[in-house]
């Protein structure tokens, strides 16, 4: 027993020694496990705590909920705003009530940009001239209408003892050809660059009908001179039969700044129409006698008999006289 115990202890000692020195042929580490090296944790120094009075860092990461994710739709980019035109800046509420409206893109070349809805024109004395109905125009055309009323028509109304109260708008923007003819060239109305005016109504109830022949010719000629000075196209009575009851105004651009002014200011109609012919002269024969052709022929015969016969001329053929032919009457 003592011998067996001694042998067992020697065997265990040899195996322990073999574990320390592995066999070079044991490439898979089967014979005996290698001893593990003890690992000692190193002490890493931590930074000092941040002072409470220190400012917050600017590069702090945003919270997770604010970061755009794949499931969060991106906000649509805002369209760039168009710059405001010089006309829009000048056409203030002290001159006209003309709010801006979106651009119009109609069929063909209809429509335009920088459009306004001209609702009223503010006079220098702060009174408002209503445009009925409101006109859809380009800003430049609306500004020209406002200047025309404020600077030209106000003095004319003052000379008539009143002031302007309303502008009768017959037509403004309308996508159509000239004179509403199908297939014709696009009208300036289709470009929001024209307006048709029938009358200017005064505050005292009087109306200046631009084509009304009962209106004074002097007043209509003053209107003619003012519009032909300010607008590039003026069409009225005498231009064509489409403009016999209104005046067309526009700012069409042509080569060499060519202008058209076609408006015939007709004379006023007579106050009393001549219903009866002129009075018959007293020396005239009675109507019954003057109306008969036989009586007129008899008077001609009597006048012929009373007239003396012409003197006979000597015959040029040696005394031979020509036979006398009776006189014949001429037809009238």
C-alpha atoms as a PDB file:
ATOM      1  CA  UNK A   1       0.000   0.000   0.000  1.00  0.00           C
ATOM      2  CA  UNK A   2       2.779   2.357   0.807  1.00  0.00           C
ATOM      3  CA  UNK A   3       4.435   1.556  -2.490  1.00  0.00           C
ATOM      4  CA  UNK A   4       1.251   2.194  -4.490  1.00  0.00           C
ATOM      5  CA  UNK A   5       0.690   5.528  -2.815  1.00  0.00           C
ATOM      6  CA  UNK A   6       4.239   6.586  -3.492  1.00  0.00           C
ATOM      7  CA  UNK A   7       3.922   5.670  -7.183  1.00  0.00           C
ATOM      8  CA  UNK A   8       0.695   7.597  -7.544  1.00  0.00           C
ATOM      9  CA  UNK A   9       2.246  10.699  -6.093  1.00  0.00           C
ATOM     10  CA  UNK A  10       5.183  10.473  -8.446  1.00  0.00           C
ATOM     11  CA  UNK A  11       2.842  10.107 -11.417  1.00  0.00           C
ATOM     12  CA  UNK A  12       0.871  13.154 -10.451  1.00  0.00           C
ATOM     13  CA  UNK A  13       4.072  15.132 -10.042  1.00  0.00           C
ATOM     14  CA  UNK A  14       5.219  14.211 -13.530  1.00  0.00           C
ATOM     15  CA  UNK A  15       1.903  15.247 -15.090  1.00  0.00           C
ATOM     16  CA  UNK A  16       2.039  18.570 -13.314  1.00  0.00           C
ATOM     17  CA  UNK A  17       5.553  19.131 -14.623  1.00  0.00           C
ATOM     18  CA  UNK A  18       4.395  18.139 -18.122  1.00  0.00           C
ATOM     19  CA  UNK A  19       1.649  20.758 -18.067  1.00  0.00           C
ATOM     20  CA  UNK A  20       4.258  23.467 -17.552  1.00  0.00           C
ATOM     21  CA  UNK A  21       6.246  22.340 -20.599  1.00  0.00           C
ATOM     22  CA  UNK A  22       4.000  21.347 -23.482  1.00  0.00           C
ATOM     23  CA  UNK A  23       5.181  18.931 -26.059  1.00  0.00           C
ATOM     24  CA  UNK A  24       6.340  20.510 -29.317  1.00  0.00           C
ATOM     25  CA  UNK A  25       4.451  17.855 -31.251  1.00  0.00           C
ATOM     26  CA  UNK A  26       1.141  18.651 -29.553  1.00  0.00           C
ATOM     27  CA  UNK A  27      -0.056  21.302 -32.064  1.00  0.00           C
ATOM     28  CA  UNK A  28      -3.670  20.937 -31.072  1.00  0.00           C
ATOM     29  CA  UNK A  29      -3.131  21.301 -27.320  1.00  0.00           C
ATOM     30  CA  UNK A  30      -4.671  17.937 -26.522  1.00  0.00           C
ATOM     31  CA  UNK A  31      -1.992  16.539 -24.264  1.00  0.00           C
ATOM     32  CA  UNK A  32      -2.229  19.103 -21.571  1.00  0.00           C
ATOM     33  CA  UNK A  33      -3.784  22.598 -21.244  1.00  0.00           C
ATOM     34  CA  UNK A  34      -1.488  25.560 -21.189  1.00  0.00           C
ATOM     35  CA  UNK A  35      -1.317  27.616 -18.065  1.00  0.00           C
ATOM     36  CA  UNK A  36      -3.205  30.933 -18.124  1.00  0.00           C
ATOM     37  CA  UNK A  37      -1.436  34.170 -17.413  1.00  0.00           C
ATOM     38  CA  UNK A  38      -2.990  36.171 -14.647  1.00  0.00           C
ATOM     39  CA  UNK A  39      -4.462  39.498 -15.863  1.00  0.00           C
ATOM     40  CA  UNK A  40      -4.240  42.500 -13.598  1.00  0.00           C
ATOM     41  CA  UNK A  41      -6.669  45.431 -14.204  1.00  0.00           C
ATOM     42  CA  UNK A  42      -4.921  48.759 -14.813  1.00  0.00           C
ATOM     43  CA  UNK A  43      -6.287  51.848 -13.113  1.00  0.00           C
ATOM     44  CA  UNK A  44      -7.369  54.445 -15.783  1.00  0.00           C
ATOM     45  CA  UNK A  45      -7.687  58.032 -14.491  1.00  0.00           C
ATOM     46  CA  UNK A  46     -11.148  59.597 -15.041  1.00  0.00           C
ATOM     47  CA  UNK A  47     -11.653  63.293 -15.999  1.00  0.00           C
ATOM     48  CA  UNK A  48     -12.677  65.743 -13.373  1.00  0.00           C
ATOM     49  CA  UNK A  49     -16.427  66.574 -13.149  1.00  0.00           C
ATOM     50  CA  UNK A  50     -17.670  69.572 -15.220  1.00  0.00           C
ATOM     51  CA  UNK A  51     -18.210  72.738 -13.243  1.00  0.00           C
ATOM     52  CA  UNK A  52     -21.807  73.842 -12.892  1.00  0.00           C
ATOM     53  CA  UNK A  53     -21.088  77.376 -14.112  1.00  0.00           C
ATOM     54  CA  UNK A  54     -19.430  76.200 -17.337  1.00  0.00           C
ATOM     55  CA  UNK A  55     -21.355  77.094 -20.613  1.00  0.00           C
ATOM     56  CA  UNK A  56     -23.010  74.335 -22.550  1.00  0.00           C
ATOM     57  CA  UNK A  57     -21.155  72.929 -25.519  1.00  0.00           C
ATOM     58  CA  UNK A  58     -22.356  74.185 -28.925  1.00  0.00           C
ATOM     59  CA  UNK A  59     -21.698  70.933 -30.668  1.00  0.00           C
ATOM     60  CA  UNK A  60     -24.088  68.854 -28.580  1.00  0.00           C
ATOM     61  CA  UNK A  61     -25.880  66.262 -30.630  1.00  0.00           C
ATOM     62  CA  UNK A  62     -29.622  66.859 -31.197  1.00  0.00           C
ATOM     63  CA  UNK A  63     -32.049  64.567 -29.460  1.00  0.00           C
ATOM     64  CA  UNK A  64     -33.003  61.394 -31.238  1.00  0.00           C
ATOM     65  CA  UNK A  65     -36.584  62.479 -31.876  1.00  0.00           C
ATOM     66  CA  UNK A  66     -35.426  65.583 -33.816  1.00  0.00           C
ATOM     67  CA  UNK A  67     -33.160  63.634 -36.168  1.00  0.00           C
ATOM     68  CA  UNK A  68     -34.737  63.013 -39.572  1.00  0.00           C
ATOM     69  CA  UNK A  69     -35.394  59.330 -39.964  1.00  0.00           C
ATOM     70  CA  UNK A  70     -36.316  57.158 -42.846  1.00  0.00           C
ATOM     71  CA  UNK A  71     -39.942  57.003 -41.753  1.00  0.00           C
ATOM     72  CA  UNK A  72     -40.288  60.809 -41.257  1.00  0.00           C
ATOM     73  CA  UNK A  73     -41.205  62.710 -44.496  1.00  0.00           C
ATOM     74  CA  UNK A  74     -39.023  65.680 -45.332  1.00  0.00           C
ATOM     75  CA  UNK A  75     -40.726  69.079 -45.391  1.00  0.00           C
ATOM     76  CA  UNK A  76     -41.445  70.471 -48.870  1.00  0.00           C
ATOM     77  CA  UNK A  77     -39.126  73.236 -49.954  1.00  0.00           C
ATOM     78  CA  UNK A  78     -40.790  76.642 -49.978  1.00  0.00           C
ATOM     79  CA  UNK A  79     -40.941  78.219 -53.494  1.00  0.00           C
ATOM     80  CA  UNK A  80     -38.849  81.315 -53.960  1.00  0.00           C
ATOM     81  CA  UNK A  81     -40.922  84.500 -53.833  1.00  0.00           C
ATOM     82  CA  UNK A  82     -40.945  86.672 -56.943  1.00  0.00           C
ATOM     83  CA  UNK A  83     -39.450  90.127 -56.568  1.00  0.00           C
ATOM     84  CA  UNK A  84     -41.989  92.930 -56.304  1.00  0.00           C
ATOM     85  CA  UNK A  85     -42.100  95.106 -59.420  1.00  0.00           C
ATOM     86  CA  UNK A  86     -41.478  98.841 -59.398  1.00  0.00           C
ATOM     87  CA  UNK A  87     -45.061  99.416 -60.596  1.00  0.00           C
ATOM     88  CA  UNK A  88     -46.448  97.402 -57.694  1.00  0.00           C
ATOM     89  CA  UNK A  89     -44.370  99.431 -55.226  1.00  0.00           C
ATOM     90  CA  UNK A  90     -45.568 102.725 -56.759  1.00  0.00           C
ATOM     91  CA  UNK A  91     -49.274 101.763 -56.979  1.00  0.00           C
ATOM     92  CA  UNK A  92     -50.023 102.239 -53.290  1.00  0.00           C
ATOM     93  CA  UNK A  93     -53.382 102.493 -51.548  1.00  0.00           C
ATOM     94  CA  UNK A  94     -53.074 106.271 -51.690  1.00  0.00           C
ATOM     95  CA  UNK A  95     -53.481 106.025 -55.492  1.00  0.00           C
ATOM     96  CA  UNK A  96     -55.701 102.986 -56.095  1.00  0.00           C
ATOM     97  CA  UNK A  97     -57.321 100.043 -54.372  1.00  0.00           C
ATOM     98  CA  UNK A  98     -55.751  97.345 -56.511  1.00  0.00           C
ATOM     99  CA  UNK A  99     -54.781  94.119 -54.704  1.00  0.00           C
ATOM    100  CA  UNK A 100     -52.357  91.827 -56.504  1.00  0.00           C
ATOM    101  CA  UNK A 101     -53.645  88.549 -57.927  1.00  0.00           C
ATOM    102  CA  UNK A 102     -51.760  85.423 -59.098  1.00  0.00           C
ATOM    103  CA  UNK A 103     -50.383  85.243 -62.621  1.00  0.00           C
ATOM    104  CA  UNK A 104     -52.784  83.948 -65.263  1.00  0.00           C
ATOM    105  CA  UNK A 105     -51.651  81.231 -67.690  1.00  0.00           C
ATOM    106  CA  UNK A 106     -54.500  80.714 -70.123  1.00  0.00           C
ATOM    107  CA  UNK A 107     -54.670  78.892 -73.447  1.00  0.00           C
ATOM    108  CA  UNK A 108     -52.327  80.161 -76.106  1.00  0.00           C
ATOM    109  CA  UNK A 109     -50.699  83.398 -75.017  1.00  0.00           C
ATOM    110  CA  UNK A 110     -53.614  84.527 -72.841  1.00  0.00           C
ATOM    111  CA  UNK A 111     -52.864  85.863 -69.396  1.00  0.00           C
ATOM    112  CA  UNK A 112     -50.001  87.821 -67.948  1.00  0.00           C
ATOM    113  CA  UNK A 113     -47.834  88.580 -64.948  1.00  0.00           C
ATOM    114  CA  UNK A 114     -47.883  91.295 -62.300  1.00  0.00           C
ATOM    115  CA  UNK A 115     -51.689  91.471 -62.379  1.00  0.00           C
ATOM    116  CA  UNK A 116     -54.004  93.460 -60.117  1.00  0.00           C
ATOM    117  CA  UNK A 117     -57.745  93.752 -59.562  1.00  0.00           C
ATOM    118  CA  UNK A 118     -58.519  97.448 -59.935  1.00  0.00           C
ATOM    119  CA  UNK A 119     -61.448  98.084 -57.601  1.00  0.00           C
ATOM    120  CA  UNK A 120     -61.264 101.848 -57.017  1.00  0.00           C
ATOM    121  CA  UNK A 121     -59.118 104.882 -57.701  1.00  0.00           C
ATOM    122  CA  UNK A 122     -58.283 107.281 -54.892  1.00  0.00           C
ATOM    123  CA  UNK A 123     -58.462 110.934 -55.918  1.00  0.00           C
ATOM    124  CA  UNK A 124     -56.134 113.610 -54.507  1.00  0.00           C
ATOM    125  CA  UNK A 125     -58.918 114.699 -52.117  1.00  0.00           C
ATOM    126  CA  UNK A 126     -59.129 111.081 -50.771  1.00  0.00           C
ATOM    127  CA  UNK A 127     -62.424 110.379 -52.514  1.00  0.00           C
ATOM    128  CA  UNK A 128     -62.716 106.985 -54.171  1.00  0.00           C
ATOM    129  CA  UNK A 129     -63.854 106.415 -57.753  1.00  0.00           C
ATOM    130  CA  UNK A 130     -65.412 102.964 -57.944  1.00  0.00           C
ATOM    131  CA  UNK A 131     -64.569 100.827 -60.979  1.00  0.00           C
ATOM    132  CA  UNK A 132     -67.737  98.858 -61.843  1.00  0.00           C
ATOM    133  CA  UNK A 133     -67.154  96.031 -62.291  1.00  0.00           C
ATOM    134  CA  UNK A 134     -63.612  95.649 -60.966  1.00  0.00           C
ATOM    135  CA  UNK A 135     -61.083  95.364 -63.790  1.00  0.00           C
ATOM    136  CA  UNK A 136     -58.405  92.651 -64.101  1.00  0.00           C
ATOM    137  CA  UNK A 137     -55.392  94.472 -65.546  1.00  0.00           C
ATOM    138  CA  UNK A 138     -51.646  94.507 -65.594  1.00  0.00           C
ATOM    139  CA  UNK A 139     -50.148  96.792 -63.012  1.00  0.00           C
ATOM    140  CA  UNK A 140     -48.861  99.216 -65.659  1.00  0.00           C
ATOM    141  CA  UNK A 141     -52.305  99.510 -67.285  1.00  0.00           C
ATOM    142  CA  UNK A 142     -54.032 100.026 -63.935  1.00  0.00           C
ATOM    143  CA  UNK A 143     -51.501 102.726 -63.058  1.00  0.00           C
ATOM    144  CA  UNK A 144     -52.148 104.495 -66.396  1.00  0.00           C
ATOM    145  CA  UNK A 145     -55.928 104.472 -65.773  1.00  0.00           C
ATOM    146  CA  UNK A 146     -55.402 105.907 -62.286  1.00  0.00           C
ATOM    147  CA  UNK A 147     -53.164 108.717 -63.578  1.00  0.00           C
ATOM    148  CA  UNK A 148     -55.642 109.536 -66.366  1.00  0.00           C
ATOM    149  CA  UNK A 149     -58.562 109.949 -63.963  1.00  0.00           C
ATOM    150  CA  UNK A 150     -56.608 111.740 -61.247  1.00  0.00           C
ATOM    151  CA  UNK A 151     -54.801 114.238 -63.499  1.00  0.00           C
ATOM    152  CA  UNK A 152     -57.059 114.718 -66.540  1.00  0.00           C
ATOM    153  CA  UNK A 153     -60.641 113.805 -65.676  1.00  0.00           C
ATOM    154  CA  UNK A 154     -60.776 115.475 -62.256  1.00  0.00           C
ATOM    155  CA  UNK A 155     -60.231 118.980 -63.742  1.00  0.00           C
ATOM    156  CA  UNK A 156     -62.826 118.198 -66.440  1.00  0.00           C
ATOM    157  CA  UNK A 157     -65.390 117.172 -63.824  1.00  0.00           C
ATOM    158  CA  UNK A 158     -64.579 120.280 -61.798  1.00  0.00           C
ATOM    159  CA  UNK A 159     -65.354 122.461 -64.832  1.00  0.00           C
ATOM    160  CA  UNK A 160     -68.757 120.762 -64.956  1.00  0.00           C
ATOM    161  CA  UNK A 161     -69.394 121.598 -61.303  1.00  0.00           C
ATOM    162  CA  UNK A 162     -68.878 118.148 -59.785  1.00  0.00           C
ATOM    163  CA  UNK A 163     -66.330 115.388 -59.191  1.00  0.00           C
ATOM    164  CA  UNK A 164     -65.895 111.860 -60.476  1.00  0.00           C
ATOM    165  CA  UNK A 165     -67.872 109.121 -58.732  1.00  0.00           C
ATOM    166  CA  UNK A 166     -67.699 105.987 -60.889  1.00  0.00           C
ATOM    167  CA  UNK A 167     -65.936 104.528 -63.927  1.00  0.00           C
ATOM    168  CA  UNK A 168     -68.128 102.411 -66.214  1.00  0.00           C
ATOM    169  CA  UNK A 169     -65.957  99.401 -67.132  1.00  0.00           C
ATOM    170  CA  UNK A 170     -67.402  97.719 -70.229  1.00  0.00           C
ATOM    171  CA  UNK A 171     -64.667  95.047 -70.535  1.00  0.00           C
ATOM    172  CA  UNK A 172     -61.161  94.307 -69.227  1.00  0.00           C
ATOM    173  CA  UNK A 173     -59.407  90.903 -69.222  1.00  0.00           C
ATOM    174  CA  UNK A 174     -60.943  88.350 -71.580  1.00  0.00           C
ATOM    175  CA  UNK A 175     -59.105  85.575 -73.395  1.00  0.00           C
ATOM    176  CA  UNK A 176     -60.252  86.201 -76.988  1.00  0.00           C
ATOM    177  CA  UNK A 177     -59.185  87.395 -80.409  1.00  0.00           C
ATOM    178  CA  UNK A 178     -59.561  90.921 -81.680  1.00  0.00           C
ATOM    179  CA  UNK A 179     -63.177  92.040 -81.969  1.00  0.00           C
ATOM    180  CA  UNK A 180     -64.156  88.537 -80.752  1.00  0.00           C
ATOM    181  CA  UNK A 181     -63.393  87.076 -84.175  1.00  0.00           C
ATOM    182  CA  UNK A 182     -62.484  83.377 -84.012  1.00  0.00           C
ATOM    183  CA  UNK A 183     -58.940  82.803 -85.232  1.00  0.00           C
ATOM    184  CA  UNK A 184     -58.024  86.479 -85.174  1.00  0.00           C
ATOM    185  CA  UNK A 185     -54.870  87.845 -83.563  1.00  0.00           C
ATOM    186  CA  UNK A 186     -54.922  87.858 -79.776  1.00  0.00           C
ATOM    187  CA  UNK A 187     -56.536  91.004 -78.420  1.00  0.00           C
ATOM    188  CA  UNK A 188     -54.854  93.162 -75.821  1.00  0.00           C
ATOM    189  CA  UNK A 189     -57.807  92.208 -73.627  1.00  0.00           C
ATOM    190  CA  UNK A 190     -56.427  88.669 -73.651  1.00  0.00           C
ATOM    191  CA  UNK A 191     -53.157  90.040 -72.261  1.00  0.00           C
ATOM    192  CA  UNK A 192     -54.902  92.021 -69.482  1.00  0.00           C
ATOM    193  CA  UNK A 193     -53.527  95.145 -71.151  1.00  0.00           C
ATOM    194  CA  UNK A 194     -56.757  96.877 -72.255  1.00  0.00           C
ATOM    195  CA  UNK A 195     -60.012  98.303 -70.940  1.00  0.00           C
ATOM    196  CA  UNK A 196     -63.245  99.472 -72.614  1.00  0.00           C
ATOM    197  CA  UNK A 197     -64.896 102.550 -71.083  1.00  0.00           C
ATOM    198  CA  UNK A 198     -68.434 103.694 -71.845  1.00  0.00           C
ATOM    199  CA  UNK A 199     -68.949 106.576 -69.450  1.00  0.00           C
ATOM    200  CA  UNK A 200     -67.612 108.475 -66.451  1.00  0.00           C
ATOM    201  CA  UNK A 201     -70.318 109.140 -63.896  1.00  0.00           C
ATOM    202  CA  UNK A 202     -70.126 112.253 -61.725  1.00  0.00           C
ATOM    203  CA  UNK A 203     -71.079 112.612 -58.103  1.00  0.00           C
ATOM    204  CA  UNK A 204     -74.013 114.939 -58.933  1.00  0.00           C
ATOM    205  CA  UNK A 205     -75.688 112.246 -61.049  1.00  0.00           C
ATOM    206  CA  UNK A 206     -74.500 113.568 -64.397  1.00  0.00           C
ATOM    207  CA  UNK A 207     -72.753 111.163 -66.755  1.00  0.00           C
ATOM    208  CA  UNK A 208     -70.074 111.893 -69.342  1.00  0.00           C
ATOM    209  CA  UNK A 209     -70.968 109.484 -72.128  1.00  0.00           C
ATOM    210  CA  UNK A 210     -67.832 109.241 -74.225  1.00  0.00           C
ATOM    211  CA  UNK A 211     -69.790 108.302 -77.366  1.00  0.00           C
ATOM    212  CA  UNK A 212     -73.027 110.109 -76.486  1.00  0.00           C
ATOM    213  CA  UNK A 213     -73.779 112.718 -79.157  1.00  0.00           C
ATOM    214  CA  UNK A 214     -76.017 114.536 -76.710  1.00  0.00           C
ATOM    215  CA  UNK A 215     -72.880 115.350 -74.679  1.00  0.00           C
ATOM    216  CA  UNK A 216     -71.075 118.559 -75.502  1.00  0.00           C
ATOM    217  CA  UNK A 217     -68.585 118.201 -78.339  1.00  0.00           C
ATOM    218  CA  UNK A 218     -66.033 120.263 -76.409  1.00  0.00           C
ATOM    219  CA  UNK A 219     -66.157 117.845 -73.469  1.00  0.00           C
ATOM    220  CA  UNK A 220     -65.707 114.796 -75.692  1.00  0.00           C
ATOM    221  CA  UNK A 221     -62.812 116.417 -77.544  1.00  0.00           C
ATOM    222  CA  UNK A 222     -61.046 117.073 -74.234  1.00  0.00           C
ATOM    223  CA  UNK A 223     -61.413 113.418 -73.356  1.00  0.00           C
ATOM    224  CA  UNK A 224     -60.118 112.456 -76.802  1.00  0.00           C
ATOM    225  CA  UNK A 225     -57.012 114.599 -76.433  1.00  0.00           C
ATOM    226  CA  UNK A 226     -56.234 113.211 -72.977  1.00  0.00           C
ATOM    227  CA  UNK A 227     -56.543 109.501 -73.839  1.00  0.00           C
ATOM    228  CA  UNK A 228     -54.625 109.783 -77.115  1.00  0.00           C
ATOM    229  CA  UNK A 229     -51.765 111.367 -75.166  1.00  0.00           C
ATOM    230  CA  UNK A 230     -51.580 108.657 -72.481  1.00  0.00           C
ATOM    231  CA  UNK A 231     -52.452 105.401 -74.290  1.00  0.00           C
ATOM    232  CA  UNK A 232     -50.906 103.772 -77.335  1.00  0.00           C
ATOM    233  CA  UNK A 233     -54.263 102.627 -78.795  1.00  0.00           C
ATOM    234  CA  UNK A 234     -57.569 104.512 -78.762  1.00  0.00           C
ATOM    235  CA  UNK A 235     -60.526 103.151 -80.760  1.00  0.00           C
ATOM    236  CA  UNK A 236     -63.961 104.757 -80.831  1.00  0.00           C
ATOM    237  CA  UNK A 237     -66.738 105.705 -83.260  1.00  0.00           C
ATOM    238  CA  UNK A 238     -65.463 105.795 -86.831  1.00  0.00           C
ATOM    239  CA  UNK A 239     -62.707 103.197 -86.290  1.00  0.00           C
ATOM    240  CA  UNK A 240     -64.990 100.193 -86.923  1.00  0.00           C
ATOM    241  CA  UNK A 241     -68.512  99.266 -86.017  1.00  0.00           C
ATOM    242  CA  UNK A 242     -67.276  97.296 -82.962  1.00  0.00           C
ATOM    243  CA  UNK A 243     -66.514 100.521 -81.050  1.00  0.00           C
ATOM    244  CA  UNK A 244     -69.525 102.706 -81.745  1.00  0.00           C
ATOM    245  CA  UNK A 245     -70.791 102.626 -78.138  1.00  0.00           C
ATOM    246  CA  UNK A 246     -67.531 102.617 -76.105  1.00  0.00           C
ATOM    247  CA  UNK A 247     -63.867 103.641 -76.167  1.00  0.00           C
ATOM    248  CA  UNK A 248     -61.089 101.037 -76.261  1.00  0.00           C
ATOM    249  CA  UNK A 249     -57.834 101.912 -74.443  1.00  0.00           C
ATOM    250  CA  UNK A 250     -54.646  99.842 -74.258  1.00  0.00           C
ATOM    251  CA  UNK A 251     -50.861 100.054 -73.902  1.00  0.00           C
ATOM    252  CA  UNK A 252     -49.818  97.824 -76.815  1.00  0.00           C
ATOM    253  CA  UNK A 253     -46.114  98.053 -77.602  1.00  0.00           C
ATOM    254  CA  UNK A 254     -45.284  98.660 -81.265  1.00  0.00           C
ATOM    255  CA  UNK A 255     -42.192  99.384 -83.251  1.00  0.00           C
ATOM    256  CA  UNK A 256     -40.905 102.948 -82.935  1.00  0.00           C
ATOM    257  CA  UNK A 257     -43.570 103.654 -80.291  1.00  0.00           C
ATOM    258  CA  UNK A 258     -46.262 103.805 -82.986  1.00  0.00           C
ATOM    259  CA  UNK A 259     -49.668 104.955 -81.715  1.00  0.00           C
ATOM    260  CA  UNK A 260     -53.224 104.577 -83.022  1.00  0.00           C
ATOM    261  CA  UNK A 261     -55.909 107.168 -82.249  1.00  0.00           C
ATOM    262  CA  UNK A 262     -59.127 106.573 -84.190  1.00  0.00           C
ATOM    263  CA  UNK A 263     -62.117 108.292 -82.642  1.00  0.00           C
ATOM    264  CA  UNK A 264     -64.454 110.562 -84.580  1.00  0.00           C
ATOM    265  CA  UNK A 265     -66.207 113.010 -82.296  1.00  0.00           C
ATOM    266  CA  UNK A 266     -69.511 113.448 -84.107  1.00  0.00           C
ATOM    267  CA  UNK A 267     -71.482 116.683 -83.928  1.00  0.00           C
ATOM    268  CA  UNK A 268     -74.376 116.769 -81.460  1.00  0.00           C
ATOM    269  CA  UNK A 269     -77.770 115.760 -82.800  1.00  0.00           C
ATOM    270  CA  UNK A 270     -80.237 118.638 -83.483  1.00  0.00           C
ATOM    271  CA  UNK A 271     -82.583 119.432 -80.643  1.00  0.00           C
ATOM    272  CA  UNK A 272     -85.713 119.408 -82.904  1.00  0.00           C
ATOM    273  CA  UNK A 273     -85.797 117.314 -86.056  1.00  0.00           C
ATOM    274  CA  UNK A 274     -87.219 119.101 -89.204  1.00  0.00           C
ATOM    275  CA  UNK A 275     -90.572 117.365 -89.718  1.00  0.00           C
ATOM    276  CA  UNK A 276     -92.109 119.710 -92.416  1.00  0.00           C
ATOM    277  CA  UNK A 277     -90.571 121.023 -95.658  1.00  0.00           C
ATOM    278  CA  UNK A 278     -89.898 124.717 -96.188  1.00  0.00           C
ATOM    279  CA  UNK A 279     -92.892 126.990 -96.825  1.00  0.00           C
ATOM    280  CA  UNK A 280     -94.078 127.318-100.493  1.00  0.00           C
ATOM    281  CA  UNK A 281     -93.319 130.674-102.127  1.00  0.00           C
ATOM    282  CA  UNK A 282     -96.340 132.917-102.768  1.00  0.00           C
ATOM    283  CA  UNK A 283     -95.469 133.406-106.460  1.00  0.00           C
ATOM    284  CA  UNK A 284     -95.566 129.678-107.135  1.00  0.00           C
ATOM    285  CA  UNK A 285     -98.569 128.422-109.171  1.00  0.00           C
ATOM    286  CA  UNK A 286    -101.211 126.345-107.451  1.00  0.00           C
ATOM    287  CA  UNK A 287    -100.167 122.772-106.720  1.00  0.00           C
ATOM    288  CA  UNK A 288    -102.976 121.296-108.890  1.00  0.00           C
ATOM    289  CA  UNK A 289    -101.891 123.275-111.954  1.00  0.00           C
ATOM    290  CA  UNK A 290     -98.190 122.801-111.454  1.00  0.00           C
ATOM    291  CA  UNK A 291     -98.601 119.088-111.148  1.00  0.00           C
ATOM    292  CA  UNK A 292    -100.221 118.593-114.636  1.00  0.00           C
ATOM    293  CA  UNK A 293     -97.770 118.095-117.560  1.00  0.00           C
ATOM    294  CA  UNK A 294    -100.352 119.305-120.135  1.00  0.00           C
ATOM    295  CA  UNK A 295    -100.591 122.689-118.507  1.00  0.00           C
ATOM    296  CA  UNK A 296     -96.829 123.083-118.629  1.00  0.00           C
ATOM    297  CA  UNK A 297     -96.715 122.197-122.358  1.00  0.00           C
ATOM    298  CA  UNK A 298     -99.527 124.687-123.204  1.00  0.00           C
ATOM    299  CA  UNK A 299     -97.653 127.445-121.443  1.00  0.00           C
ATOM    300  CA  UNK A 300     -94.596 126.667-123.538  1.00  0.00           C
ATOM    301  CA  UNK A 301     -96.647 126.866-126.816  1.00  0.00           C
ATOM    302  CA  UNK A 302     -98.119 130.232-125.867  1.00  0.00           C
ATOM    303  CA  UNK A 303     -94.695 131.601-125.175  1.00  0.00           C
ATOM    304  CA  UNK A 304     -93.474 130.373-128.582  1.00  0.00           C
ATOM    305  CA  UNK A 305     -96.350 132.051-130.467  1.00  0.00           C
ATOM    306  CA  UNK A 306     -95.792 135.381-128.792  1.00  0.00           C
ATOM    307  CA  UNK A 307     -92.094 135.464-129.645  1.00  0.00           C
ATOM    308  CA  UNK A 308     -91.276 137.334-132.970  1.00  0.00           C
ATOM    309  CA  UNK A 309     -90.281 135.255-136.012  1.00  0.00           C
ATOM    310  CA  UNK A 310     -86.598 135.431-136.950  1.00  0.00           C
ATOM    311  CA  UNK A 311     -85.611 137.541-140.028  1.00  0.00           C
ATOM    312  CA  UNK A 312     -85.228 135.618-143.254  1.00  0.00           C
ATOM    313  CA  UNK A 313     -81.709 135.318-144.521  1.00  0.00           C
ATOM    314  CA  UNK A 314     -80.973 135.695-148.274  1.00  0.00           C
ATOM    315  CA  UNK A 315     -80.549 132.406-149.981  1.00  0.00           C
ATOM    316  CA  UNK A 316     -76.998 131.496-150.737  1.00  0.00           C
ATOM    317  CA  UNK A 317     -77.906 129.353-153.787  1.00  0.00           C
ATOM    318  CA  UNK A 318     -78.978 132.117-156.147  1.00  0.00           C
ATOM    319  CA  UNK A 319     -82.391 132.964-154.830  1.00  0.00           C
ATOM    320  CA  UNK A 320     -83.680 129.474-154.296  1.00  0.00           C
ATOM    321  CA  UNK A 321     -85.439 129.339-151.013  1.00  0.00           C
ATOM    322  CA  UNK A 322     -85.452 126.225-148.805  1.00  0.00           C
ATOM    323  CA  UNK A 323     -88.829 124.831-147.863  1.00  0.00           C
ATOM    324  CA  UNK A 324     -89.952 125.892-144.422  1.00  0.00           C
ATOM    325  CA  UNK A 325     -89.976 123.100-141.807  1.00  0.00           C
ATOM    326  CA  UNK A 326     -92.340 123.337-138.898  1.00  0.00           C
ATOM    327  CA  UNK A 327     -90.724 123.828-135.492  1.00  0.00           C
ATOM    328  CA  UNK A 328     -90.565 120.761-133.225  1.00  0.00           C
ATOM    329  CA  UNK A 329     -90.689 120.803-129.449  1.00  0.00           C
ATOM    330  CA  UNK A 330     -87.808 119.323-127.426  1.00  0.00           C
ATOM    331  CA  UNK A 331     -88.522 116.729-124.801  1.00  0.00           C
ATOM    332  CA  UNK A 332     -87.446 117.458-121.246  1.00  0.00           C
END
